[in-house]
Protein backbone atom coordinates (compact mmCIF):
# COMPACT_ATOMS: atom_id res chain seq x y z
CA MET A 1 0.00 0.00 0.00
CA GLY A 2 1.15 3.50 -0.79
CA ALA A 3 1.86 6.30 1.68
CA PRO A 4 -1.16 8.18 3.06
CA PRO A 5 -2.02 11.35 1.23
CA ALA A 6 -0.47 14.54 2.56
CA PRO A 7 -2.86 16.83 4.45
CA THR A 8 -4.25 19.61 2.45
CA LEU A 9 -3.29 23.25 3.09
CA ALA A 10 -6.70 23.97 4.59
CA VAL A 11 -6.32 21.18 7.15
CA VAL A 12 -2.82 22.35 8.13
CA ALA A 13 -4.01 25.93 8.51
CA HIS A 14 -6.97 24.79 10.57
CA ASP A 15 -4.75 22.76 12.91
CA ALA A 16 -2.33 25.71 13.29
CA ILE A 17 -5.02 28.11 14.49
CA PRO A 18 -4.78 28.31 18.31
CA VAL A 19 -7.88 27.74 20.35
CA ARG A 20 -8.98 31.06 21.80
CA ARG A 21 -10.02 31.09 25.41
CA ARG A 22 -11.67 33.69 27.53
CA PRO A 23 -10.42 33.31 31.09
CA THR A 24 -12.97 35.81 32.41
CA SER A 25 -16.00 33.84 31.14
CA PHE A 26 -18.02 32.08 33.84
CA HIS A 27 -20.58 29.32 33.26
CA ARG A 28 -22.56 26.79 35.29
CA ARG A 29 -19.73 24.30 35.09
CA ASP A 30 -17.42 26.89 36.61
CA ALA A 31 -19.87 27.52 39.43
CA ALA A 32 -20.03 23.80 40.15
CA MET A 33 -16.22 23.70 40.16
CA VAL A 34 -16.05 26.58 42.64
CA VAL A 35 -18.55 24.94 44.97
CA GLY A 36 -16.88 21.54 44.69
CA CYS A 37 -13.43 22.95 45.46
CA ALA A 38 -14.80 24.92 48.41
CA VAL A 39 -16.52 21.88 49.92
CA SER A 40 -13.55 19.57 49.27
CA SER A 41 -11.06 22.02 50.73
CA LEU A 42 -13.31 22.55 53.76
CA ALA A 43 -13.42 18.82 54.45
CA LEU A 44 -9.67 18.48 53.98
CA THR A 45 -9.04 21.48 56.23
CA TRP A 46 -11.23 20.01 58.97
CA LEU A 47 -9.37 16.70 58.70
CA LEU A 48 -5.93 18.32 58.87
CA TYR A 49 -6.74 21.02 61.40
CA SER A 50 -8.74 19.07 63.95
CA GLN A 51 -7.78 15.43 63.46
CA ILE A 52 -4.16 15.29 62.30
CA LEU A 53 -2.39 18.55 63.20
CA PRO A 54 -2.35 19.86 66.81
CA LEU A 55 -3.88 23.20 65.82
CA SER A 56 -6.85 25.25 67.01
CA GLY A 57 -8.42 28.64 66.47
CA LEU A 58 -10.73 30.09 63.83
CA PRO A 59 -8.24 32.44 62.09
CA GLY A 60 -5.80 29.63 61.35
CA PHE A 61 -8.61 27.39 60.16
CA LEU A 62 -9.84 30.05 57.72
CA MET A 63 -6.33 30.75 56.39
CA LEU A 64 -5.65 27.04 55.80
CA TRP A 65 -9.05 26.61 54.15
CA ALA A 66 -8.41 29.53 51.82
CA ALA A 67 -4.96 28.23 50.84
CA LEU A 68 -6.23 24.72 50.09
CA ASN A 69 -9.25 26.09 48.24
CA PHE A 70 -7.12 28.23 45.93
CA LEU A 71 -4.74 25.32 45.31
CA MET A 72 -7.55 22.92 44.44
CA TYR A 73 -9.26 25.47 42.23
CA PHE A 74 -6.06 26.23 40.34
CA THR A 75 -5.44 22.51 39.79
CA ALA A 76 -8.99 21.85 38.60
CA VAL A 77 -9.06 24.79 36.16
CA ALA A 78 -5.57 23.98 34.86
CA ALA A 79 -6.63 20.38 34.14
CA THR A 80 -9.74 21.44 32.22
CA GLU A 81 -8.88 24.76 30.55
CA GLY A 82 -5.15 25.24 30.81
CA ARG A 83 -2.74 27.14 33.02
CA PRO A 84 -3.45 30.68 31.68
CA ALA A 85 -7.12 30.41 32.58
CA ALA A 86 -6.19 28.82 35.91
CA ARG A 87 -3.87 31.68 36.83
CA ASP A 88 -6.43 34.28 35.83
CA ARG A 89 -9.34 32.74 37.70
CA THR A 90 -7.29 31.93 40.78
CA MET A 91 -6.11 35.52 41.05
CA ALA A 92 -9.68 36.70 40.51
CA SER A 93 -10.76 34.44 43.37
CA VAL A 94 -8.00 35.77 45.64
CA ILE A 95 -9.01 39.37 44.89
CA THR A 96 -12.68 38.56 45.46
CA VAL A 97 -11.98 36.98 48.84
CA ALA A 98 -9.81 39.95 49.84
CA ALA A 99 -12.56 42.36 48.82
CA ILE A 100 -15.12 40.43 50.86
CA ALA A 101 -12.74 40.42 53.85
CA ILE A 102 -12.57 44.22 53.61
CA ILE A 103 -16.22 44.92 52.83
CA VAL A 104 -17.71 42.72 55.56
CA PRO A 105 -16.02 44.51 58.52
CA LEU A 106 -16.81 47.88 56.93
CA ALA A 107 -20.45 46.92 56.51
CA LEU A 108 -20.60 45.71 60.11
CA ILE A 109 -19.16 49.01 61.36
CA LEU A 110 -21.58 51.07 59.27
CA GLY A 111 -24.51 48.94 60.34
CA TYR A 112 -23.59 49.03 64.03
CA VAL A 113 -23.08 52.80 64.11
CA THR A 114 -26.30 53.32 62.17
CA LEU A 115 -28.34 51.17 64.53
CA LYS A 116 -26.88 52.74 67.65
CA GLY A 117 -27.17 56.29 66.30
CA LEU A 118 -30.65 56.09 64.82
CA ARG A 119 -31.97 54.64 68.05
CA PHE A 120 -31.53 57.95 69.90
CA LEU A 121 -31.56 60.44 67.02
CA ARG A 122 -34.39 62.97 67.16
CA LEU A 123 -35.17 66.07 65.15
CA SER A 124 -34.27 68.22 68.16
CA PHE A 125 -30.64 67.16 67.69
CA PHE A 126 -30.38 69.64 64.81
CA THR A 127 -32.07 72.53 66.62
CA THR A 128 -30.78 72.44 70.23
CA THR A 129 -27.39 72.44 71.96
CA MET A 130 -25.91 70.40 74.76
CA ALA A 131 -26.28 73.42 77.06
CA SER A 132 -29.98 72.59 77.39
CA VAL A 133 -29.30 68.94 78.23
CA GLY A 134 -29.03 68.08 81.93
CA PRO A 135 -27.13 65.20 83.56
CA GLU A 136 -30.38 63.34 84.24
CA SER A 137 -31.82 63.85 80.75
CA PRO A 138 -32.49 60.75 78.66
CA ALA A 139 -30.29 59.93 75.69
CA THR A 140 -33.02 61.01 73.27
CA GLU A 141 -32.54 64.60 74.46
CA THR A 142 -29.32 65.35 72.61
CA GLY A 143 -28.30 68.71 71.20
CA GLY A 144 -25.91 68.79 68.29
CA LEU A 145 -26.44 72.26 66.80
CA GLN A 146 -23.22 73.62 68.32
CA ALA A 147 -21.23 70.70 66.90
CA ILE A 148 -22.77 70.98 63.43
CA VAL A 149 -22.08 74.73 63.26
CA GLY A 150 -18.52 74.24 64.52
CA THR A 151 -17.81 71.47 62.03
CA LEU A 152 -19.16 73.47 59.09
CA GLU A 153 -17.23 76.61 60.04
CA GLN A 154 -13.94 74.85 60.74
CA VAL A 155 -14.05 72.70 57.61
CA GLY A 156 -15.23 75.68 55.54
CA ILE A 157 -12.31 77.87 56.65
CA ALA A 158 -9.89 75.00 56.09
CA MET A 159 -11.30 74.58 52.59
CA LEU A 160 -10.88 78.30 51.84
CA ILE A 161 -7.24 78.02 52.87
CA SER A 162 -6.30 74.67 51.35
CA VAL A 163 -8.13 74.61 48.02
CA PRO A 164 -6.50 77.73 46.46
CA LEU A 165 -3.07 76.75 47.77
CA GLY A 166 -3.54 73.15 46.62
CA VAL A 167 -4.66 74.14 43.13
CA LEU A 168 -1.82 76.66 42.74
CA THR A 169 0.72 74.09 43.95
CA ALA A 170 -0.65 71.50 41.52
CA VAL A 171 -0.43 74.03 38.67
CA TYR A 172 3.17 74.76 39.60
CA LEU A 173 4.08 71.07 39.71
CA ASN A 174 2.32 70.12 36.48
CA GLU A 175 2.40 73.25 34.31
CA VAL A 176 5.23 75.52 35.43
CA LYS A 177 7.69 72.76 36.45
CA GLY A 178 10.22 75.16 37.92
CA ARG A 179 13.39 74.39 39.79
CA LEU A 180 11.53 73.85 43.03
CA ALA A 181 9.11 71.33 41.54
CA ARG A 182 10.99 68.28 42.82
CA PRO A 183 11.46 69.45 46.44
CA THR A 184 7.87 70.74 46.46
CA ARG A 185 6.57 67.33 45.40
CA VAL A 186 8.71 65.65 48.06
CA PHE A 187 7.37 68.09 50.66
CA VAL A 188 3.76 67.43 49.63
CA ASP A 189 4.30 63.67 49.80
CA ALA A 190 5.87 64.04 53.25
CA MET A 191 2.90 66.12 54.45
CA SER A 192 0.58 63.30 53.39
CA GLY A 193 2.07 61.11 56.10
CA VAL A 194 2.03 63.68 58.91
CA PRO A 195 -0.04 62.39 61.87
CA SER A 196 -3.02 64.57 62.62
CA ILE A 197 -1.98 65.09 66.22
CA VAL A 198 1.30 66.63 65.03
CA ALA A 199 -0.65 69.25 63.08
CA GLY A 200 -2.68 70.00 66.20
CA LEU A 201 0.45 70.30 68.35
CA PHE A 202 2.02 72.64 65.82
CA ILE A 203 -0.96 75.03 65.81
CA TYR A 204 -1.21 74.80 69.59
CA THR A 205 2.45 75.75 70.02
CA VAL A 206 2.44 78.53 67.44
CA LEU A 207 -0.98 80.07 68.02
CA VAL A 208 -2.96 78.80 71.01
CA ALA A 209 -0.17 78.76 73.59
CA ASN A 210 1.02 82.23 72.56
CA GLY A 211 -2.11 83.97 73.76
CA ALA A 212 -4.58 83.43 70.93
CA GLY A 213 -6.52 80.85 72.94
CA PHE A 214 -8.75 78.06 71.74
CA SER A 215 -10.88 78.85 68.71
CA GLY A 216 -12.45 77.35 65.65
CA PHE A 217 -9.96 79.22 63.47
CA ALA A 218 -7.05 77.45 65.16
CA ALA A 219 -8.80 74.14 64.48
CA ALA A 220 -9.29 75.16 60.84
CA LEU A 221 -5.57 75.89 60.47
CA ALA A 222 -4.73 72.43 61.79
CA LEU A 223 -7.26 70.85 59.43
CA SER A 224 -5.91 72.84 56.47
CA ILE A 225 -2.45 71.32 57.08
CA LEU A 226 -3.99 67.86 56.72
CA MET A 227 -6.22 68.81 53.80
CA LEU A 228 -3.60 70.55 51.67
CA PRO A 229 -1.62 67.47 50.47
CA THR A 230 -4.81 65.60 49.55
CA VAL A 231 -6.08 68.48 47.40
CA THR A 232 -2.66 69.06 45.83
CA ARG A 233 -2.00 65.48 44.82
CA THR A 234 -5.51 64.93 43.48
CA CYS A 235 -5.45 68.17 41.48
CA GLU A 236 -2.05 67.28 40.05
CA VAL A 237 -3.40 63.96 38.79
CA VAL A 238 -6.42 65.73 37.30
CA LEU A 239 -4.24 68.29 35.49
CA ARG A 240 -2.15 65.50 33.99
CA LEU A 241 -5.29 64.11 32.36
CA VAL A 242 -5.91 67.32 30.39
CA PRO A 243 -5.04 66.56 26.73
CA GLY A 244 -1.80 68.13 25.57
CA GLY A 245 -3.44 69.18 22.33
CA LEU A 246 -5.41 71.85 24.19
CA ARG A 247 -2.21 73.42 25.45
CA GLU A 248 -0.60 73.27 22.02
CA ALA A 249 -3.65 74.85 20.36
CA SER A 250 -3.67 77.68 22.89
CA PHE A 251 0.06 78.33 22.45
CA ALA A 252 -0.33 78.22 18.68
CA MET A 253 -2.90 81.01 18.89
CA GLY A 254 -0.41 83.19 20.77
CA ALA A 255 -1.80 82.83 24.29
CA PRO A 256 0.79 83.11 27.08
CA GLU A 257 1.26 80.32 29.57
CA TRP A 258 -0.74 81.97 32.35
CA ARG A 259 -3.66 82.63 30.02
CA THR A 260 -3.58 79.02 28.78
CA THR A 261 -3.64 77.75 32.35
CA TRP A 262 -6.40 80.12 33.46
CA GLY A 263 -8.63 79.96 30.39
CA VAL A 264 -8.08 76.44 29.03
CA ILE A 265 -6.56 73.98 31.51
CA LEU A 266 -8.38 74.91 34.71
CA PRO A 267 -11.86 75.10 33.08
CA THR A 268 -11.25 71.71 31.48
CA ALA A 269 -10.28 70.20 34.82
CA ARG A 270 -12.88 72.01 36.94
CA ILE A 271 -14.94 68.88 37.67
CA GLY A 272 -11.82 67.05 38.80
CA ILE A 273 -10.87 70.00 41.01
CA VAL A 274 -14.31 69.90 42.62
CA THR A 275 -13.80 66.18 43.24
CA ALA A 276 -10.41 66.89 44.81
CA THR A 277 -12.02 69.46 47.08
CA ILE A 278 -14.71 67.03 48.22
CA LEU A 279 -12.12 64.34 48.91
CA GLY A 280 -10.04 66.81 50.90
CA VAL A 281 -13.05 67.80 53.00
CA ALA A 282 -13.93 64.15 53.60
CA ARG A 283 -10.32 63.57 54.68
CA VAL A 284 -10.45 66.10 57.54
CA ILE A 285 -14.08 66.26 58.59
CA GLY A 286 -13.69 63.31 60.94
CA GLU A 287 -10.39 64.35 62.55
CA THR A 288 -10.46 64.57 66.34
CA ALA A 289 -6.88 64.78 67.63
CA PRO A 290 -6.11 68.26 66.22
CA LEU A 291 -9.38 69.66 67.63
CA ILE A 292 -8.58 68.63 71.19
CA MET A 293 -5.66 71.10 71.29
CA THR A 294 -7.20 73.83 69.13
CA ALA A 295 -11.01 74.00 69.34
CA PHE A 296 -11.16 72.37 72.80
CA GLY A 297 -14.92 71.82 72.64
CA SER A 298 -17.96 73.61 74.05
CA ALA A 299 -21.53 72.76 74.99
CA THR A 300 -22.82 76.17 73.93
CA LEU A 301 -23.32 77.58 70.45
CA ASN A 302 -20.45 79.76 69.22
CA PHE A 303 -20.88 81.34 65.80
CA ASN A 304 -17.58 83.22 66.00
CA PRO A 305 -14.74 80.90 64.94
CA PHE A 306 -12.11 83.50 65.83
CA SER A 307 -12.90 83.79 69.53
CA GLY A 308 -13.63 81.21 72.19
CA ALA A 309 -13.75 77.45 72.28
CA GLN A 310 -15.90 75.72 69.69
CA SER A 311 -17.38 72.28 69.34
CA ALA A 312 -17.37 69.78 66.45
CA LEU A 313 -19.10 66.50 65.70
CA SER A 314 -16.00 64.34 66.02
CA LEU A 315 -14.79 66.14 69.16
CA SER A 316 -18.18 65.94 70.87
CA SER A 317 -18.42 62.24 70.10
CA PHE A 318 -14.96 61.64 71.53
CA GLN A 319 -15.67 63.57 74.72
CA LEU A 320 -19.04 61.90 75.32
CA PHE A 321 -17.57 58.43 74.86
CA GLY A 322 -15.25 59.17 77.79
CA SER A 323 -18.14 59.90 80.14
CA SER A 324 -19.17 57.54 82.89
CA GLN A 325 -22.87 58.21 82.21
CA THR A 326 -24.65 55.68 80.03
CA ALA A 327 -26.82 58.40 78.49
CA ASP A 328 -23.72 60.34 77.39
CA VAL A 329 -22.29 57.25 75.70
CA ASP A 330 -25.59 56.79 73.88
CA ARG A 331 -25.44 60.45 72.79
CA ALA A 332 -21.95 59.86 71.44
CA TRP A 333 -23.37 57.32 69.00
CA VAL A 334 -25.75 59.97 67.67
CA PHE A 335 -22.86 62.36 66.97
CA ALA A 336 -20.88 59.52 65.37
CA PHE A 337 -23.80 58.58 63.13
CA VAL A 338 -24.37 62.15 61.91
CA LEU A 339 -20.64 62.54 61.22
CA LEU A 340 -20.55 59.22 59.36
CA ALA A 341 -23.55 60.27 57.28
CA LEU A 342 -21.80 63.52 56.30
CA VAL A 343 -18.66 61.65 55.26
CA LEU A 344 -20.66 59.16 53.20
CA ILE A 345 -22.54 61.99 51.49
CA LEU A 346 -19.25 63.68 50.59
CA PHE A 347 -17.78 60.49 49.13
CA VAL A 348 -20.94 59.87 47.13
CA LEU A 349 -20.74 63.40 45.75
CA ALA A 350 -17.10 62.85 44.84
CA ARG A 351 -17.98 59.60 43.06
CA LEU A 352 -20.81 61.26 41.15
CA GLN A 353 -18.50 64.08 40.08
CA GLY A 354 -15.95 61.54 38.90
CA ASP A 355 -18.56 59.64 36.89
CA ARG A 356 -19.76 62.89 35.36
CA ARG A 357 -16.21 63.77 34.38
CA ARG A 358 -15.68 60.36 32.71
CA ARG A 359 -18.92 60.75 30.75
């Protein structure tokens, strides 16, 4: 018998075409594989942890279960779909488990604070002060007007100080790029890691201890120190996203650099600058340590941030938690809940501004 016929060109070309896979696709078979690996690894972990190895404790059990689960899942996917898909799906599983490990404690904290705060929150909280609350008053009689006014004034003054300086610094770092750009960037990065209590001690030493006394303005200065690096770094990133063609078109029409920055770059990045401002405010609105040495706290309403001690939501919550009275501790949860709600609202606004900018 003669030799078998040679394969045609079409057959060779068909055999040479690689099989395309989509590692991110997920079907019922994949779900069954995930459940099977989870159950098998759980049984193996129980056998090793409680019957063979002299180990105990829930954290170790969960860590061993996760390691065996990822190993089994990688082996099963590699045997059915190849190693690239196995690596991709295993890493996706690791990231998913890490995200769940972060989200669950955060959700528990939010839920616990919400339940404790809503239990004693009344409409009078927004219209009365703690000066009208006696030591024998129930927890439902809580006045937070002085803390709300203090927080708004202190954060507002800090925003008026930090936002212009942050935007100008970002423009210098991204547009001007002078000789001091590198040390300025290093200084801004170093300020990002400054503990909040250090900012409070600095303002206390320079201003409060030298005769100015406690005030909301001193607290605003401490907050502006913490807010400035956040606004600067975020604005710098936003300015980098402005297309270079806009700058080139403005220069080509004879506009100077300052006019290009003022009339083209900043209007283009205005939504990002607003987002940076909201993130900066959310960064400092919950700070407590600087306020202890600057605002000091007060049970009465003080509209003047430049004279006299002033309260704030975070500071009032901290002081009430240190009380020996059960009613004061319950009131502290109300202040914490209102502060948490403000922070969440600010982050939602920042996210909406970011989505609007992307659209």
